[in-house]
Amino acid sequence: MDNRNLAGLLTAVPPAELRIIELAAELTRPDGSLDLDAAAARQPEVEMACVQAQNYASATGRLMEAMRWKLRSRRS
C-alpha cells in the first residue's frame, strides 16, 4: 500500500458529525430507556442515521486496517 492509497482512504472517511448520536440523546427518556414510540415515529430519520453511522464505521475500519498493514510491513 502506498501513501496515495492511504490518503485516498483518509479522504473517503466522512465527517464525524453522526446524527445517530443526536438522535439517541433526543429519543432517550429521563430513566435512560429508549422511547420506542418516538423512535418509531421518526423511523426514516433513524434509518438514515444508522446508514450514516455504518458508512462511517466501514470507512474508518478500512483506514484502520490500511494503517495496521502499513505498520506491519515496516516492522518486517
N, C-alpha and C. Protein backbone atom coordinates (compact mmCIF):
# COMPACT_ATOMS: atom_id res chain seq x y z
N MET A 1 0.86 -1.18 0.00
CA MET A 1 0.00 0.00 0.00
C MET A 1 0.89 1.23 0.00
N ASP A 2 0.66 2.11 -0.91
CA ASP A 2 1.45 3.34 -0.95
C ASP A 2 0.68 4.46 -0.26
N ASN A 3 1.37 5.58 -0.07
CA ASN A 3 0.77 6.71 0.65
C ASN A 3 -0.43 7.29 -0.09
N ARG A 4 -0.44 7.20 -1.42
CA ARG A 4 -1.60 7.73 -2.17
C ARG A 4 -2.85 6.94 -1.82
N ASN A 5 -2.72 5.61 -1.69
CA ASN A 5 -3.89 4.82 -1.31
C ASN A 5 -4.36 5.17 0.09
N LEU A 6 -3.42 5.35 1.00
CA LEU A 6 -3.76 5.72 2.37
C LEU A 6 -4.46 7.08 2.39
N ALA A 7 -3.96 8.02 1.60
CA ALA A 7 -4.58 9.35 1.53
C ALA A 7 -6.00 9.23 0.95
N GLY A 8 -6.17 8.36 -0.03
CA GLY A 8 -7.49 8.16 -0.60
C GLY A 8 -8.46 7.58 0.41
N LEU A 9 -7.98 6.63 1.22
CA LEU A 9 -8.83 6.07 2.27
C LEU A 9 -9.19 7.15 3.29
N LEU A 10 -8.24 7.99 3.62
CA LEU A 10 -8.49 9.05 4.59
C LEU A 10 -9.54 10.03 4.08
N THR A 11 -9.45 10.41 2.82
CA THR A 11 -10.43 11.35 2.28
C THR A 11 -11.80 10.70 2.13
N ALA A 12 -11.86 9.36 2.11
CA ALA A 12 -13.14 8.66 1.99
C ALA A 12 -13.89 8.59 3.32
N VAL A 13 -13.21 8.89 4.42
CA VAL A 13 -13.88 8.85 5.73
C VAL A 13 -14.76 10.09 5.84
N PRO A 14 -16.07 9.88 6.04
CA PRO A 14 -16.97 11.03 6.15
C PRO A 14 -16.74 11.81 7.45
N PRO A 15 -17.23 13.04 7.51
CA PRO A 15 -17.11 13.81 8.75
C PRO A 15 -17.74 13.06 9.93
N ALA A 16 -17.21 13.28 11.10
CA ALA A 16 -17.66 12.54 12.28
C ALA A 16 -18.89 13.15 12.94
N GLU A 17 -19.63 13.94 12.23
CA GLU A 17 -20.85 14.52 12.78
C GLU A 17 -21.99 13.52 12.56
N LEU A 18 -22.06 12.53 13.46
CA LEU A 18 -23.01 11.44 13.29
C LEU A 18 -24.37 11.79 13.90
N ARG A 19 -25.37 11.76 13.09
CA ARG A 19 -26.73 12.08 13.52
C ARG A 19 -27.25 11.08 14.54
N ILE A 20 -26.76 9.84 14.49
CA ILE A 20 -27.24 8.81 15.40
C ILE A 20 -27.01 9.21 16.86
N ILE A 21 -25.94 9.94 17.12
CA ILE A 21 -25.64 10.37 18.49
C ILE A 21 -26.67 11.37 18.97
N GLU A 22 -26.98 12.34 18.13
CA GLU A 22 -28.00 13.33 18.49
C GLU A 22 -29.36 12.66 18.66
N LEU A 23 -29.70 11.77 17.74
CA LEU A 23 -30.99 11.09 17.82
C LEU A 23 -31.11 10.26 19.09
N ALA A 24 -30.04 9.56 19.43
CA ALA A 24 -30.07 8.76 20.65
C ALA A 24 -30.36 9.64 21.86
N ALA A 25 -29.73 10.80 21.90
CA ALA A 25 -29.97 11.72 23.02
C ALA A 25 -31.41 12.23 23.00
N GLU A 26 -31.92 12.55 21.82
CA GLU A 26 -33.28 13.06 21.70
C GLU A 26 -34.33 12.01 22.03
N LEU A 27 -34.03 10.77 21.77
CA LEU A 27 -35.02 9.70 21.94
C LEU A 27 -34.86 8.92 23.25
N THR A 28 -33.98 9.38 24.11
CA THR A 28 -33.77 8.73 25.40
C THR A 28 -34.64 9.38 26.46
N ARG A 29 -35.35 8.54 27.18
CA ARG A 29 -36.21 9.03 28.27
C ARG A 29 -35.34 9.40 29.48
N PRO A 30 -35.91 10.13 30.41
CA PRO A 30 -35.15 10.51 31.62
C PRO A 30 -34.62 9.31 32.40
N ASP A 31 -35.31 8.15 32.30
CA ASP A 31 -34.84 6.97 33.02
C ASP A 31 -33.75 6.22 32.27
N GLY A 32 -33.35 6.73 31.10
CA GLY A 32 -32.28 6.12 30.32
C GLY A 32 -32.74 5.12 29.27
N SER A 33 -34.02 4.84 29.21
CA SER A 33 -34.52 3.89 28.21
C SER A 33 -34.84 4.63 26.91
N LEU A 34 -34.91 3.86 25.83
CA LEU A 34 -35.24 4.42 24.53
C LEU A 34 -36.75 4.56 24.41
N ASP A 35 -37.20 5.72 23.98
CA ASP A 35 -38.63 5.95 23.74
C ASP A 35 -38.96 5.32 22.39
N LEU A 36 -39.45 4.09 22.43
CA LEU A 36 -39.70 3.33 21.22
C LEU A 36 -40.78 3.96 20.35
N ASP A 37 -41.80 4.55 20.96
CA ASP A 37 -42.85 5.20 20.18
C ASP A 37 -42.30 6.40 19.42
N ALA A 38 -41.49 7.20 20.08
CA ALA A 38 -40.90 8.36 19.43
C ALA A 38 -39.93 7.92 18.33
N ALA A 39 -39.18 6.86 18.60
CA ALA A 39 -38.25 6.36 17.59
C ALA A 39 -39.00 5.81 16.38
N ALA A 40 -40.10 5.11 16.63
CA ALA A 40 -40.90 4.57 15.52
C ALA A 40 -41.48 5.70 14.68
N ALA A 41 -41.89 6.78 15.33
CA ALA A 41 -42.46 7.91 14.61
C ALA A 41 -41.42 8.60 13.73
N ARG A 42 -40.17 8.42 14.07
CA ARG A 42 -39.08 9.04 13.31
C ARG A 42 -38.24 7.99 12.58
N GLN A 43 -38.86 6.86 12.27
CA GLN A 43 -38.12 5.74 11.70
C GLN A 43 -37.30 6.08 10.46
N PRO A 44 -37.83 6.83 9.49
CA PRO A 44 -36.98 7.15 8.34
C PRO A 44 -35.70 7.90 8.73
N GLU A 45 -35.83 8.81 9.67
CA GLU A 45 -34.67 9.58 10.14
C GLU A 45 -33.69 8.67 10.88
N VAL A 46 -34.24 7.76 11.70
CA VAL A 46 -33.40 6.81 12.43
C VAL A 46 -32.66 5.91 11.44
N GLU A 47 -33.36 5.42 10.43
CA GLU A 47 -32.73 4.55 9.42
C GLU A 47 -31.60 5.27 8.68
N MET A 48 -31.83 6.51 8.30
CA MET A 48 -30.79 7.28 7.62
C MET A 48 -29.58 7.49 8.53
N ALA A 49 -29.84 7.76 9.81
CA ALA A 49 -28.75 7.95 10.76
C ALA A 49 -27.96 6.65 10.95
N CYS A 50 -28.65 5.52 10.93
CA CYS A 50 -27.98 4.23 11.06
C CYS A 50 -27.10 3.95 9.84
N VAL A 51 -27.60 4.25 8.66
CA VAL A 51 -26.81 4.07 7.44
C VAL A 51 -25.57 4.98 7.49
N GLN A 52 -25.74 6.21 7.91
CA GLN A 52 -24.61 7.14 8.01
C GLN A 52 -23.57 6.59 8.99
N ALA A 53 -24.01 6.08 10.13
CA ALA A 53 -23.08 5.53 11.13
C ALA A 53 -22.37 4.29 10.58
N GLN A 54 -23.09 3.45 9.85
CA GLN A 54 -22.48 2.26 9.27
C GLN A 54 -21.44 2.63 8.22
N ASN A 55 -21.75 3.62 7.39
CA ASN A 55 -20.78 4.08 6.38
C ASN A 55 -19.52 4.63 7.04
N TYR A 56 -19.71 5.37 8.12
CA TYR A 56 -18.57 5.91 8.85
C TYR A 56 -17.73 4.79 9.44
N ALA A 57 -18.40 3.81 10.04
CA ALA A 57 -17.68 2.68 10.64
C ALA A 57 -16.91 1.90 9.57
N SER A 58 -17.51 1.69 8.43
CA SER A 58 -16.84 0.95 7.35
C SER A 58 -15.62 1.71 6.83
N ALA A 59 -15.78 3.00 6.61
CA ALA A 59 -14.67 3.81 6.09
C ALA A 59 -13.53 3.88 7.10
N THR A 60 -13.84 4.07 8.36
CA THR A 60 -12.77 4.14 9.37
C THR A 60 -12.13 2.77 9.56
N GLY A 61 -12.91 1.71 9.42
CA GLY A 61 -12.35 0.36 9.51
C GLY A 61 -11.35 0.10 8.39
N ARG A 62 -11.68 0.52 7.17
CA ARG A 62 -10.75 0.35 6.05
C ARG A 62 -9.47 1.14 6.30
N LEU A 63 -9.61 2.36 6.80
CA LEU A 63 -8.44 3.18 7.08
C LEU A 63 -7.60 2.55 8.19
N MET A 64 -8.22 2.06 9.23
CA MET A 64 -7.52 1.43 10.34
C MET A 64 -6.72 0.21 9.86
N GLU A 65 -7.36 -0.63 9.05
CA GLU A 65 -6.67 -1.82 8.55
C GLU A 65 -5.51 -1.44 7.64
N ALA A 66 -5.67 -0.42 6.84
CA ALA A 66 -4.59 0.03 5.97
C ALA A 66 -3.41 0.53 6.79
N MET A 67 -3.69 1.26 7.84
CA MET A 67 -2.60 1.77 8.69
C MET A 67 -1.90 0.62 9.40
N ARG A 68 -2.67 -0.35 9.89
CA ARG A 68 -2.06 -1.52 10.54
C ARG A 68 -1.18 -2.27 9.55
N TRP A 69 -1.68 -2.45 8.33
CA TRP A 69 -0.91 -3.16 7.30
C TRP A 69 0.40 -2.42 7.02
N LYS A 70 0.29 -1.10 6.93
CA LYS A 70 1.48 -0.28 6.66
C LYS A 70 2.49 -0.43 7.79
N LEU A 71 2.03 -0.44 9.04
CA LEU A 71 2.93 -0.57 10.17
C LEU A 71 3.54 -1.97 10.25
N ARG A 72 2.75 -3.00 9.94
CA ARG A 72 3.27 -4.37 9.94
C ARG A 72 4.37 -4.53 8.91
N SER A 73 4.16 -3.98 7.73
CA SER A 73 5.16 -4.12 6.68
C SER A 73 6.44 -3.37 7.04
N ARG A 74 6.33 -2.36 7.83
CA ARG A 74 7.50 -1.59 8.25
C ARG A 74 8.33 -2.37 9.27
N ARG A 75 7.65 -3.14 10.12
CA ARG A 75 8.36 -3.92 11.15
C ARG A 75 9.10 -5.10 10.56
N SER A 76 8.69 -5.58 9.42
CA SER A 76 9.31 -6.76 8.81
C SER A 76 10.66 -6.46 8.21
